[in-house]
PDB file of N, CA and C in Angstrom:
ATOM      1  N   MET A   1       0.844  -1.170   0.000  1.00  0.00           N
ATOM      2  CA  MET A   1       0.000   0.000   0.000  1.00  0.00           C
ATOM      3  C   MET A   1       0.890   1.233   0.000  1.00  0.00           C
ATOM      4  N   LYS A   2       0.570   2.162  -0.837  1.00  0.00           N
ATOM      5  CA  LYS A   2       1.352   3.382  -0.994  1.00  0.00           C
ATOM      6  C   LYS A   2       0.884   4.437  -0.001  1.00  0.00           C
ATOM      7  N   ARG A   3       1.802   5.225   0.486  1.00  0.00           N
ATOM      8  CA  ARG A   3       1.476   6.331   1.385  1.00  0.00           C
ATOM      9  C   ARG A   3       1.443   7.620   0.593  1.00  0.00           C
ATOM     10  N   GLY A   4       0.390   8.407   0.815  1.00  0.00           N
ATOM     11  CA  GLY A   4       0.242   9.676   0.122  1.00  0.00           C
ATOM     12  C   GLY A   4       1.106  10.750   0.755  1.00  0.00           C
ATOM     13  N   SER A   5       1.093  11.939   0.158  1.00  0.00           N
ATOM     14  CA  SER A   5       1.920  13.040   0.641  1.00  0.00           C
ATOM     15  C   SER A   5       1.534  13.474   2.052  1.00  0.00           C
ATOM     16  N   ASN A   6       0.274  13.205   2.444  1.00  0.00           N
ATOM     17  CA  ASN A   6      -0.145  13.580   3.787  1.00  0.00           C
ATOM     18  C   ASN A   6       0.024  12.441   4.788  1.00  0.00           C
ATOM     19  N   GLY A   7       0.652  11.325   4.349  1.00  0.00           N
ATOM     20  CA  GLY A   7       0.941  10.215   5.249  1.00  0.00           C
ATOM     21  C   GLY A   7      -0.155   9.188   5.363  1.00  0.00           C
ATOM     22  N   THR A   8      -1.300   9.418   4.694  1.00  0.00           N
ATOM     23  CA  THR A   8      -2.378   8.447   4.768  1.00  0.00           C
ATOM     24  C   THR A   8      -2.180   7.361   3.725  1.00  0.00           C
ATOM     25  N   ALA A   9      -2.653   6.173   4.032  1.00  0.00           N
ATOM     26  CA  ALA A   9      -2.536   5.059   3.101  1.00  0.00           C
ATOM     27  C   ALA A   9      -3.465   5.284   1.923  1.00  0.00           C
ATOM     28  N   GLN A  10      -2.990   4.923   0.742  1.00  0.00           N
ATOM     29  CA  GLN A  10      -3.801   5.059  -0.455  1.00  0.00           C
ATOM     30  C   GLN A  10      -3.690   3.785  -1.274  1.00  0.00           C
ATOM     31  N   THR A  11      -4.737   3.507  -2.058  1.00  0.00           N
ATOM     32  CA  THR A  11      -4.727   2.351  -2.944  1.00  0.00           C
ATOM     33  C   THR A  11      -4.902   2.833  -4.367  1.00  0.00           C
ATOM     34  N   LYS A  12      -4.589   1.982  -5.319  1.00  0.00           N
ATOM     35  CA  LYS A  12      -4.758   2.323  -6.727  1.00  0.00           C
ATOM     36  C   LYS A  12      -5.750   1.376  -7.357  1.00  0.00           C
ATOM     37  N   GLN A  13      -6.334   1.803  -8.486  1.00  0.00           N
ATOM     38  CA  GLN A  13      -7.242   0.944  -9.224  1.00  0.00           C
ATOM     39  C   GLN A  13      -6.467  -0.180  -9.872  1.00  0.00           C
ATOM     40  N   ALA A  14      -7.207  -1.191 -10.304  1.00  0.00           N
ATOM     41  CA  ALA A  14      -6.595  -2.359 -10.933  1.00  0.00           C
ATOM     42  C   ALA A  14      -5.858  -1.965 -12.203  1.00  0.00           C
ATOM     43  N   ALA A  15      -4.867  -2.796 -12.576  1.00  0.00           N
ATOM     44  CA  ALA A  15      -4.091  -2.557 -13.796  1.00  0.00           C
ATOM     45  C   ALA A  15      -5.024  -2.499 -14.997  1.00  0.00           C
ATOM     46  N   GLY A  16      -4.672  -1.665 -15.945  1.00  0.00           N
ATOM     47  CA  GLY A  16      -5.486  -1.531 -17.145  1.00  0.00           C
ATOM     48  C   GLY A  16      -6.513  -0.419 -17.050  1.00  0.00           C
ATOM     49  N   SER A  17      -6.749   0.102 -15.855  1.00  0.00           N
ATOM     50  CA  SER A  17      -7.676   1.215 -15.708  1.00  0.00           C
ATOM     51  C   SER A  17      -6.871   2.453 -15.359  1.00  0.00           C
ATOM     52  N   ALA A  18      -7.509   3.587 -15.439  1.00  0.00           N
ATOM     53  CA  ALA A  18      -6.813   4.833 -15.118  1.00  0.00           C
ATOM     54  C   ALA A  18      -6.361   4.791 -13.661  1.00  0.00           C
ATOM     55  N   THR A  19      -5.145   5.217 -13.412  1.00  0.00           N
ATOM     56  CA  THR A  19      -4.612   5.224 -12.062  1.00  0.00           C
ATOM     57  C   THR A  19      -5.169   6.425 -11.317  1.00  0.00           C
ATOM     58  N   ARG A  20      -5.767   6.156 -10.179  1.00  0.00           N
ATOM     59  CA  ARG A  20      -6.325   7.216  -9.353  1.00  0.00           C
ATOM     60  C   ARG A  20      -6.164   6.804  -7.895  1.00  0.00           C
ATOM     61  N   ALA A  21      -5.564   7.637  -7.108  1.00  0.00           N
ATOM     62  CA  ALA A  21      -5.367   7.326  -5.692  1.00  0.00           C
ATOM     63  C   ALA A  21      -6.677   7.495  -4.943  1.00  0.00           C
ATOM     64  N   ARG A  22      -6.960   6.572  -4.034  1.00  0.00           N
ATOM     65  CA  ARG A  22      -8.147   6.645  -3.182  1.00  0.00           C
ATOM     66  C   ARG A  22      -7.676   6.662  -1.740  1.00  0.00           C
ATOM     67  N   PRO A  23      -8.313   7.481  -0.924  1.00  0.00           N
ATOM     68  CA  PRO A  23      -7.927   7.492   0.485  1.00  0.00           C
ATOM     69  C   PRO A  23      -8.403   6.222   1.179  1.00  0.00           C
ATOM     70  N   ALA A  24      -7.582   5.667   2.033  1.00  0.00           N
ATOM     71  CA  ALA A  24      -7.986   4.525   2.845  1.00  0.00           C
ATOM     72  C   ALA A  24      -8.576   5.067   4.140  1.00  0.00           C
ATOM     73  N   LEU A  25      -9.632   4.438   4.626  1.00  0.00           N
ATOM     74  CA  LEU A  25     -10.244   4.877   5.873  1.00  0.00           C
ATOM     75  C   LEU A  25      -9.518   4.240   7.054  1.00  0.00           C
ATOM     76  N   SER A  26      -9.317   5.028   8.072  1.00  0.00           N
ATOM     77  CA  SER A  26      -8.705   4.500   9.295  1.00  0.00           C
ATOM     78  C   SER A  26      -9.781   3.785  10.114  1.00  0.00           C
ATOM     79  N   ALA A  27      -9.345   2.987  11.072  1.00  0.00           N
ATOM     80  CA  ALA A  27     -10.282   2.293  11.959  1.00  0.00           C
ATOM     81  C   ALA A  27     -11.135   3.310  12.723  1.00  0.00           C
ATOM     82  N   ALA A  28     -10.543   4.436  13.105  1.00  0.00           N
ATOM     83  CA  ALA A  28     -11.288   5.470  13.829  1.00  0.00           C
ATOM     84  C   ALA A  28     -12.358   6.104  12.941  1.00  0.00           C
ATOM     85  N   GLN A  29     -12.047   6.318  11.659  1.00  0.00           N
ATOM     86  CA  GLN A  29     -13.037   6.887  10.736  1.00  0.00           C
ATOM     87  C   GLN A  29     -14.196   5.912  10.526  1.00  0.00           C
ATOM     88  N   ILE A  30     -13.880   4.641  10.382  1.00  0.00           N
ATOM     89  CA  ILE A  30     -14.924   3.628  10.198  1.00  0.00           C
ATOM     90  C   ILE A  30     -15.812   3.560  11.435  1.00  0.00           C
ATOM     91  N   ALA A  31     -15.196   3.558  12.614  1.00  0.00           N
ATOM     92  CA  ALA A  31     -15.959   3.527  13.861  1.00  0.00           C
ATOM     93  C   ALA A  31     -16.848   4.762  13.987  1.00  0.00           C
ATOM     94  N   ALA A  32     -16.350   5.925  13.564  1.00  0.00           N
ATOM     95  CA  ALA A  32     -17.135   7.158  13.637  1.00  0.00           C
ATOM     96  C   ALA A  32     -18.355   7.092  12.720  1.00  0.00           C
ATOM     97  N   ILE A  33     -18.191   6.527  11.527  1.00  0.00           N
ATOM     98  CA  ILE A  33     -19.323   6.394  10.601  1.00  0.00           C
ATOM     99  C   ILE A  33     -20.367   5.457  11.193  1.00  0.00           C
ATOM    100  N   TYR A  34     -19.934   4.292  11.702  1.00  0.00           N
ATOM    101  CA  TYR A  34     -20.881   3.366  12.331  1.00  0.00           C
ATOM    102  C   TYR A  34     -21.589   4.033  13.513  1.00  0.00           C
ATOM    103  N   GLY A  35     -20.846   4.779  14.311  1.00  0.00           N
ATOM    104  CA  GLY A  35     -21.436   5.450  15.461  1.00  0.00           C
ATOM    105  C   GLY A  35     -22.477   6.485  15.057  1.00  0.00           C
ATOM    106  N   ALA A  36     -22.175   7.272  14.033  1.00  0.00           N
ATOM    107  CA  ALA A  36     -23.124   8.281  13.560  1.00  0.00           C
ATOM    108  C   ALA A  36     -24.394   7.632  13.036  1.00  0.00           C
ATOM    109  N   MET A  37     -24.245   6.540  12.304  1.00  0.00           N
ATOM    110  CA  MET A  37     -25.415   5.877  11.729  1.00  0.00           C
ATOM    111  C   MET A  37     -26.272   5.232  12.822  1.00  0.00           C
ATOM    112  N   ARG A  38     -25.633   4.694  13.873  1.00  0.00           N
ATOM    113  CA  ARG A  38     -26.394   4.155  15.009  1.00  0.00           C
ATOM    114  C   ARG A  38     -27.139   5.279  15.730  1.00  0.00           C
ATOM    115  N   THR A  39     -26.509   6.452  15.806  1.00  0.00           N
ATOM    116  CA  THR A  39     -27.148   7.595  16.456  1.00  0.00           C
ATOM    117  C   THR A  39     -28.407   8.015  15.704  1.00  0.00           C
ATOM    118  N   PHE A  40     -28.357   8.039  14.369  1.00  0.00           N
ATOM    119  CA  PHE A  40     -29.563   8.359  13.581  1.00  0.00           C
ATOM    120  C   PHE A  40     -30.688   7.390  13.934  1.00  0.00           C
ATOM    121  N   ARG A  41     -30.361   6.086  13.975  1.00  0.00           N
ATOM    122  CA  ARG A  41     -31.365   5.063  14.286  1.00  0.00           C
ATOM    123  C   ARG A  41     -31.902   5.242  15.704  1.00  0.00           C
ATOM    124  N   ASP A  42     -30.997   5.392  16.666  1.00  0.00           N
ATOM    125  CA  ASP A  42     -31.412   5.503  18.063  1.00  0.00           C
ATOM    126  C   ASP A  42     -32.249   6.753  18.310  1.00  0.00           C
ATOM    127  N   ASP A  43     -31.876   7.874  17.691  1.00  0.00           N
ATOM    128  CA  ASP A  43     -32.653   9.114  17.831  1.00  0.00           C
ATOM    129  C   ASP A  43     -34.055   8.943  17.263  1.00  0.00           C
ATOM    130  N   ASP A  44     -34.157   8.317  16.093  1.00  0.00           N
ATOM    131  CA  ASP A  44     -35.476   8.082  15.490  1.00  0.00           C
ATOM    132  C   ASP A  44     -36.328   7.194  16.394  1.00  0.00           C
ATOM    133  N   LEU A  45     -35.735   6.137  16.948  1.00  0.00           N
ATOM    134  CA  LEU A  45     -36.483   5.235  17.827  1.00  0.00           C
ATOM    135  C   LEU A  45     -36.911   5.933  19.114  1.00  0.00           C
ATOM    136  N   ALA A  46     -36.098   6.847  19.621  1.00  0.00           N
ATOM    137  CA  ALA A  46     -36.450   7.582  20.842  1.00  0.00           C
ATOM    138  C   ALA A  46     -37.630   8.524  20.594  1.00  0.00           C
ATOM    139  N   ARG A  47     -37.671   9.117  19.413  1.00  0.00           N
ATOM    140  CA  ARG A  47     -38.756  10.048  19.076  1.00  0.00           C
ATOM    141  C   ARG A  47     -40.038   9.313  18.707  1.00  0.00           C
ATOM    142  N   THR A  48     -39.912   8.259  17.912  1.00  0.00           N
ATOM    143  CA  THR A  48     -41.066   7.516  17.411  1.00  0.00           C
ATOM    144  C   THR A  48     -40.746   6.026  17.465  1.00  0.00           C
ATOM    145  N   PRO A  49     -41.073   5.363  18.588  1.00  0.00           N
ATOM    146  CA  PRO A  49     -40.710   3.955  18.733  1.00  0.00           C
ATOM    147  C   PRO A  49     -41.215   3.058  17.593  1.00  0.00           C
ATOM    148  N   ASP A  50     -42.407   3.338  17.069  1.00  0.00           N
ATOM    149  CA  ASP A  50     -42.931   2.542  15.959  1.00  0.00           C
ATOM    150  C   ASP A  50     -43.012   3.430  14.718  1.00  0.00           C
ATOM    151  N   ALA A  51     -41.861   3.667  14.100  1.00  0.00           N
ATOM    152  CA  ALA A  51     -41.782   4.584  12.962  1.00  0.00           C
ATOM    153  C   ALA A  51     -42.256   3.953  11.658  1.00  0.00           C
ATOM    154  N   GLY A  52     -42.576   2.673  11.666  1.00  0.00           N
ATOM    155  CA  GLY A  52     -43.047   2.015  10.456  1.00  0.00           C
ATOM    156  C   GLY A  52     -41.903   1.518   9.597  1.00  0.00           C
ATOM    157  N   THR A  53     -42.188   1.353   8.318  1.00  0.00           N
ATOM    158  CA  THR A  53     -41.191   0.828   7.392  1.00  0.00           C
ATOM    159  C   THR A  53     -41.081   1.717   6.158  1.00  0.00           C
ATOM    160  N   ILE A  54     -39.992   1.530   5.438  1.00  0.00           N
ATOM    161  CA  ILE A  54     -39.758   2.236   4.176  1.00  0.00           C
ATOM    162  C   ILE A  54     -39.358   1.199   3.137  1.00  0.00           C
ATOM    163  N   ALA A  55     -39.488   1.553   1.897  1.00  0.00           N
ATOM    164  CA  ALA A  55     -38.977   0.726   0.799  1.00  0.00           C
ATOM    165  C   ALA A  55     -37.610   1.294   0.436  1.00  0.00           C
ATOM    166  N   CYS A  56     -36.560   0.567   0.770  1.00  0.00           N
ATOM    167  CA  CYS A  56     -35.200   1.043   0.508  1.00  0.00           C
ATOM    168  C   CYS A  56     -34.915   1.003  -0.989  1.00  0.00           C
ATOM    169  N   LEU A  57     -34.453   2.121  -1.526  1.00  0.00           N
ATOM    170  CA  LEU A  57     -34.152   2.192  -2.946  1.00  0.00           C
ATOM    171  C   LEU A  57     -32.854   1.489  -3.316  1.00  0.00           C
ATOM    172  N   ARG A  58     -32.047   1.129  -2.340  1.00  0.00           N
ATOM    173  CA  ARG A  58     -30.782   0.454  -2.630  1.00  0.00           C
ATOM    174  C   ARG A  58     -30.940  -1.068  -2.620  1.00  0.00           C
ATOM    175  N   CYS A  59     -31.488  -1.611  -1.530  1.00  0.00           N
ATOM    176  CA  CYS A  59     -31.613  -3.075  -1.437  1.00  0.00           C
ATOM    177  C   CYS A  59     -32.971  -3.566  -1.911  1.00  0.00           C
ATOM    178  N   GLY A  60     -33.942  -2.648  -2.035  1.00  0.00           N
ATOM    179  CA  GLY A  60     -35.262  -3.005  -2.539  1.00  0.00           C
ATOM    180  C   GLY A  60     -36.147  -3.718  -1.529  1.00  0.00           C
ATOM    181  N   ARG A  61     -35.725  -3.760  -0.273  1.00  0.00           N
ATOM    182  CA  ARG A  61     -36.503  -4.455   0.735  1.00  0.00           C
ATOM    183  C   ARG A  61     -37.296  -3.481   1.585  1.00  0.00           C
ATOM    184  N   SER A  62     -38.322  -3.998   2.237  1.00  0.00           N
ATOM    185  CA  SER A  62     -39.076  -3.228   3.213  1.00  0.00           C
ATOM    186  C   SER A  62     -38.271  -3.265   4.505  1.00  0.00           C
ATOM    187  N   ARG A  63     -37.830  -2.090   4.971  1.00  0.00           N
ATOM    188  CA  ARG A  63     -36.926  -2.008   6.118  1.00  0.00           C
ATOM    189  C   ARG A  63     -37.484  -1.026   7.147  1.00  0.00           C
ATOM    190  N   PRO A  64     -37.032  -1.109   8.394  1.00  0.00           N
ATOM    191  CA  PRO A  64     -37.488  -0.145   9.400  1.00  0.00           C
ATOM    192  C   PRO A  64     -37.147   1.294   8.981  1.00  0.00           C
ATOM    193  N   ALA A  65     -38.095   2.181   9.222  1.00  0.00           N
ATOM    194  CA  ALA A  65     -37.870   3.595   8.885  1.00  0.00           C
ATOM    195  C   ALA A  65     -36.851   4.242   9.828  1.00  0.00           C
ATOM    196  N   ALA A  66     -36.761   3.740  11.048  1.00  0.00           N
ATOM    197  CA  ALA A  66     -35.818   4.308  12.016  1.00  0.00           C
ATOM    198  C   ALA A  66     -34.394   4.208  11.485  1.00  0.00           C
ATOM    199  N   GLY A  67     -33.739   5.353  11.403  1.00  0.00           N
ATOM    200  CA  GLY A  67     -32.361   5.396  10.926  1.00  0.00           C
ATOM    201  C   GLY A  67     -32.217   5.492   9.432  1.00  0.00           C
ATOM    202  N   SER A  68     -33.331   5.436   8.710  1.00  0.00           N
ATOM    203  CA  SER A  68     -33.227   5.581   7.253  1.00  0.00           C
ATOM    204  C   SER A  68     -32.875   7.025   6.929  1.00  0.00           C
ATOM    205  N   LEU A  69     -32.218   7.218   5.801  1.00  0.00           N
ATOM    206  CA  LEU A  69     -31.789   8.560   5.408  1.00  0.00           C
ATOM    207  C   LEU A  69     -32.203   8.847   3.980  1.00  0.00           C
ATOM    208  N   LEU A  70     -32.493  10.107   3.720  1.00  0.00           N
ATOM    209  CA  LEU A  70     -32.881  10.555   2.392  1.00  0.00           C
ATOM    210  C   LEU A  70     -31.685  11.218   1.732  1.00  0.00           C
ATOM    211  N   TYR A  71     -31.255  10.676   0.610  1.00  0.00           N
ATOM    212  CA  TYR A  71     -30.147  11.231  -0.181  1.00  0.00           C
ATOM    213  C   TYR A  71     -30.762  11.732  -1.488  1.00  0.00           C
ATOM    214  N   GLY A  72     -30.946  13.037  -1.578  1.00  0.00           N
ATOM    215  CA  GLY A  72     -31.648  13.570  -2.742  1.00  0.00           C
ATOM    216  C   GLY A  72     -33.051  12.992  -2.743  1.00  0.00           C
ATOM    217  N   GLY A  73     -33.396  12.233  -3.748  1.00  0.00           N
ATOM    218  CA  GLY A  73     -34.705  11.585  -3.819  1.00  0.00           C
ATOM    219  C   GLY A  73     -34.658  10.122  -3.450  1.00  0.00           C
ATOM    220  N   ALA A  74     -33.530   9.638  -2.972  1.00  0.00           N
ATOM    221  CA  ALA A  74     -33.369   8.212  -2.662  1.00  0.00           C
ATOM    222  C   ALA A  74     -33.408   7.979  -1.156  1.00  0.00           C
ATOM    223  N   ARG A  75     -34.389   7.216  -0.681  1.00  0.00           N
ATOM    224  CA  ARG A  75     -34.483   6.852   0.733  1.00  0.00           C
ATOM    225  C   ARG A  75     -33.777   5.510   0.919  1.00  0.00           C
ATOM    226  N   LEU A  76     -32.735   5.501   1.762  1.00  0.00           N
ATOM    227  CA  LEU A  76     -31.966   4.287   2.032  1.00  0.00           C
ATOM    228  C   LEU A  76     -32.195   3.843   3.467  1.00  0.00           C
ATOM    229  N   CYS A  77     -32.326   2.525   3.666  1.00  0.00           N
ATOM    230  CA  CYS A  77     -32.427   1.990   5.019  1.00  0.00           C
ATOM    231  C   CYS A  77     -31.106   2.256   5.745  1.00  0.00           C
ATOM    232  N   ASN A  78     -31.105   2.091   7.051  1.00  0.00           N
ATOM    233  CA  ASN A  78     -29.910   2.401   7.837  1.00  0.00           C
ATOM    234  C   ASN A  78     -28.717   1.551   7.412  1.00  0.00           C
ATOM    235  N   GLY A  79     -28.935   0.290   7.141  1.00  0.00           N
ATOM    236  CA  GLY A  79     -27.835  -0.582   6.716  1.00  0.00           C
ATOM    237  C   GLY A  79     -27.240  -0.148   5.394  1.00  0.00           C
ATOM    238  N   CYS A  80     -28.093   0.149   4.418  1.00  0.00           N
ATOM    239  CA  CYS A  80     -27.603   0.592   3.110  1.00  0.00           C
ATOM    240  C   CYS A  80     -26.972   1.978   3.193  1.00  0.00           C
ATOM    241  N   ALA A  81     -27.540   2.848   4.032  1.00  0.00           N
ATOM    242  CA  ALA A  81     -26.961   4.186   4.208  1.00  0.00           C
ATOM    243  C   ALA A  81     -25.573   4.077   4.845  1.00  0.00           C
ATOM    244  N   THR A  82     -25.414   3.149   5.774  1.00  0.00           N
ATOM    245  CA  THR A  82     -24.103   2.937   6.398  1.00  0.00           C
ATOM    246  C   THR A  82     -23.103   2.446   5.359  1.00  0.00           C
ATOM    247  N   ASP A  83     -23.502   1.448   4.579  1.00  0.00           N
ATOM    248  CA  ASP A  83     -22.625   0.943   3.513  1.00  0.00           C
ATOM    249  C   ASP A  83     -22.266   2.050   2.526  1.00  0.00           C
ATOM    250  N   TYR A  84     -23.268   2.845   2.138  1.00  0.00           N
ATOM    251  CA  TYR A  84     -23.039   3.938   1.197  1.00  0.00           C
ATOM    252  C   TYR A  84     -22.013   4.928   1.750  1.00  0.00           C
ATOM    253  N   GLU A  85     -22.171   5.325   3.021  1.00  0.00           N
ATOM    254  CA  GLU A  85     -21.246   6.297   3.615  1.00  0.00           C
ATOM    255  C   GLU A  85     -19.821   5.753   3.683  1.00  0.00           C
ATOM    256  N   LEU A  86     -19.673   4.478   4.048  1.00  0.00           N
ATOM    257  CA  LEU A  86     -18.339   3.876   4.088  1.00  0.00           C
ATOM    258  C   LEU A  86     -17.703   3.868   2.696  1.00  0.00           C
ATOM    259  N   LEU A  87     -18.459   3.463   1.686  1.00  0.00           N
ATOM    260  CA  LEU A  87     -17.938   3.410   0.315  1.00  0.00           C
ATOM    261  C   LEU A  87     -17.671   4.808  -0.240  1.00  0.00           C
ATOM    262  N   ARG A  88     -18.562   5.757   0.069  1.00  0.00           N
ATOM    263  CA  ARG A  88     -18.378   7.141  -0.416  1.00  0.00           C
ATOM    264  C   ARG A  88     -17.121   7.744   0.177  1.00  0.00           C
ATOM    265  N   MET A  89     -16.928   7.554   1.474  1.00  0.00           N
ATOM    266  CA  MET A  89     -15.750   8.125   2.125  1.00  0.00           C
ATOM    267  C   MET A  89     -14.457   7.456   1.651  1.00  0.00           C
ATOM    268  N   ALA A  90     -14.549   6.211   1.200  1.00  0.00           N
ATOM    269  CA  ALA A  90     -13.376   5.506   0.674  1.00  0.00           C
ATOM    270  C   ALA A  90     -13.151   5.820  -0.801  1.00  0.00           C
ATOM    271  N   GLY A  91     -14.022   6.643  -1.389  1.00  0.00           N
ATOM    272  CA  GLY A  91     -13.877   7.015  -2.788  1.00  0.00           C
ATOM    273  C   GLY A  91     -14.332   5.946  -3.760  1.00  0.00           C
ATOM    274  N   LEU A  92     -15.162   5.018  -3.276  1.00  0.00           N
ATOM    275  CA  LEU A  92     -15.617   3.914  -4.122  1.00  0.00           C
ATOM    276  C   LEU A  92     -17.061   4.071  -4.590  1.00  0.00           C
ATOM    277  N   GLU A  93     -17.731   5.111  -4.141  1.00  0.00           N
ATOM    278  CA  GLU A  93     -19.136   5.331  -4.475  1.00  0.00           C
ATOM    279  C   GLU A  93     -19.328   6.780  -4.875  1.00  0.00           C
ATOM    280  N   ARG A  94     -20.158   7.002  -5.877  1.00  0.00           N
ATOM    281  CA  ARG A  94     -20.435   8.381  -6.301  1.00  0.00           C
ATOM    282  C   ARG A  94     -21.272   9.085  -5.238  1.00  0.00           C
ATOM    283  N   ASP A  95     -21.190  10.382  -5.199  1.00  0.00           N
ATOM    284  CA  ASP A  95     -21.921  11.196  -4.247  1.00  0.00           C
ATOM    285  C   ASP A  95     -23.342  11.376  -4.744  1.00  0.00           C
ATOM    286  N   LEU A  96     -24.326  10.877  -3.992  1.00  0.00           N
ATOM    287  CA  LEU A  96     -25.723  10.970  -4.407  1.00  0.00           C
ATOM    288  C   LEU A  96     -26.281  12.373  -4.259  1.00  0.00           C
ATOM    289  N   LEU A  97     -25.708  13.179  -3.383  1.00  0.00           N
ATOM    290  CA  LEU A  97     -26.217  14.542  -3.172  1.00  0.00           C
ATOM    291  C   LEU A  97     -25.591  15.562  -4.111  1.00  0.00           C
ATOM    292  N   HIS A  98     -24.390  15.309  -4.551  1.00  0.00           N
ATOM    293  CA  HIS A  98     -23.675  16.262  -5.415  1.00  0.00           C
ATOM    294  C   HIS A  98     -23.104  15.534  -6.631  1.00  0.00           C
ATOM    295  N   PRO A  99     -23.976  15.036  -7.508  1.00  0.00           N
ATOM    296  CA  PRO A  99     -23.465  14.309  -8.678  1.00  0.00           C
ATOM    297  C   PRO A  99     -22.648  15.223  -9.584  1.00  0.00           C
ATOM    298  N   GLN A 100     -21.566  14.680 -10.097  1.00  0.00           N
ATOM    299  CA  GLN A 100     -20.732  15.448 -11.011  1.00  0.00           C
ATOM    300  C   GLN A 100     -21.309  15.351 -12.415  1.00  0.00           C
ATOM    301  N   PRO A 101     -21.222  16.445 -13.186  1.00  0.00           N
ATOM    302  CA  PRO A 101     -21.797  16.441 -14.535  1.00  0.00           C
ATOM    303  C   PRO A 101     -21.088  15.487 -15.468  1.00  0.00           C
TER     304      PRO A 101
END
């Protein structure tokens, strides 16, 4: 694994594709994302214990509304929103709120 100019670990895309450095997430960053997503769920449950269900646009399943997040017009369940945030922060997922032209 290559170290970037700021000392953080970076990875490269597979051979044959354009080379682009991606930031690697630290264990503390991953823990912070999981913690924030649990907080969204716990806050929703504290306000409305029976918040019902939503149809997640990512996994397509009926999931608890507690902790679900709206990204633009896409409502994601807490699990999919957590996965999305981890992948987005690692540079592996496009930004749903600020799509590039």
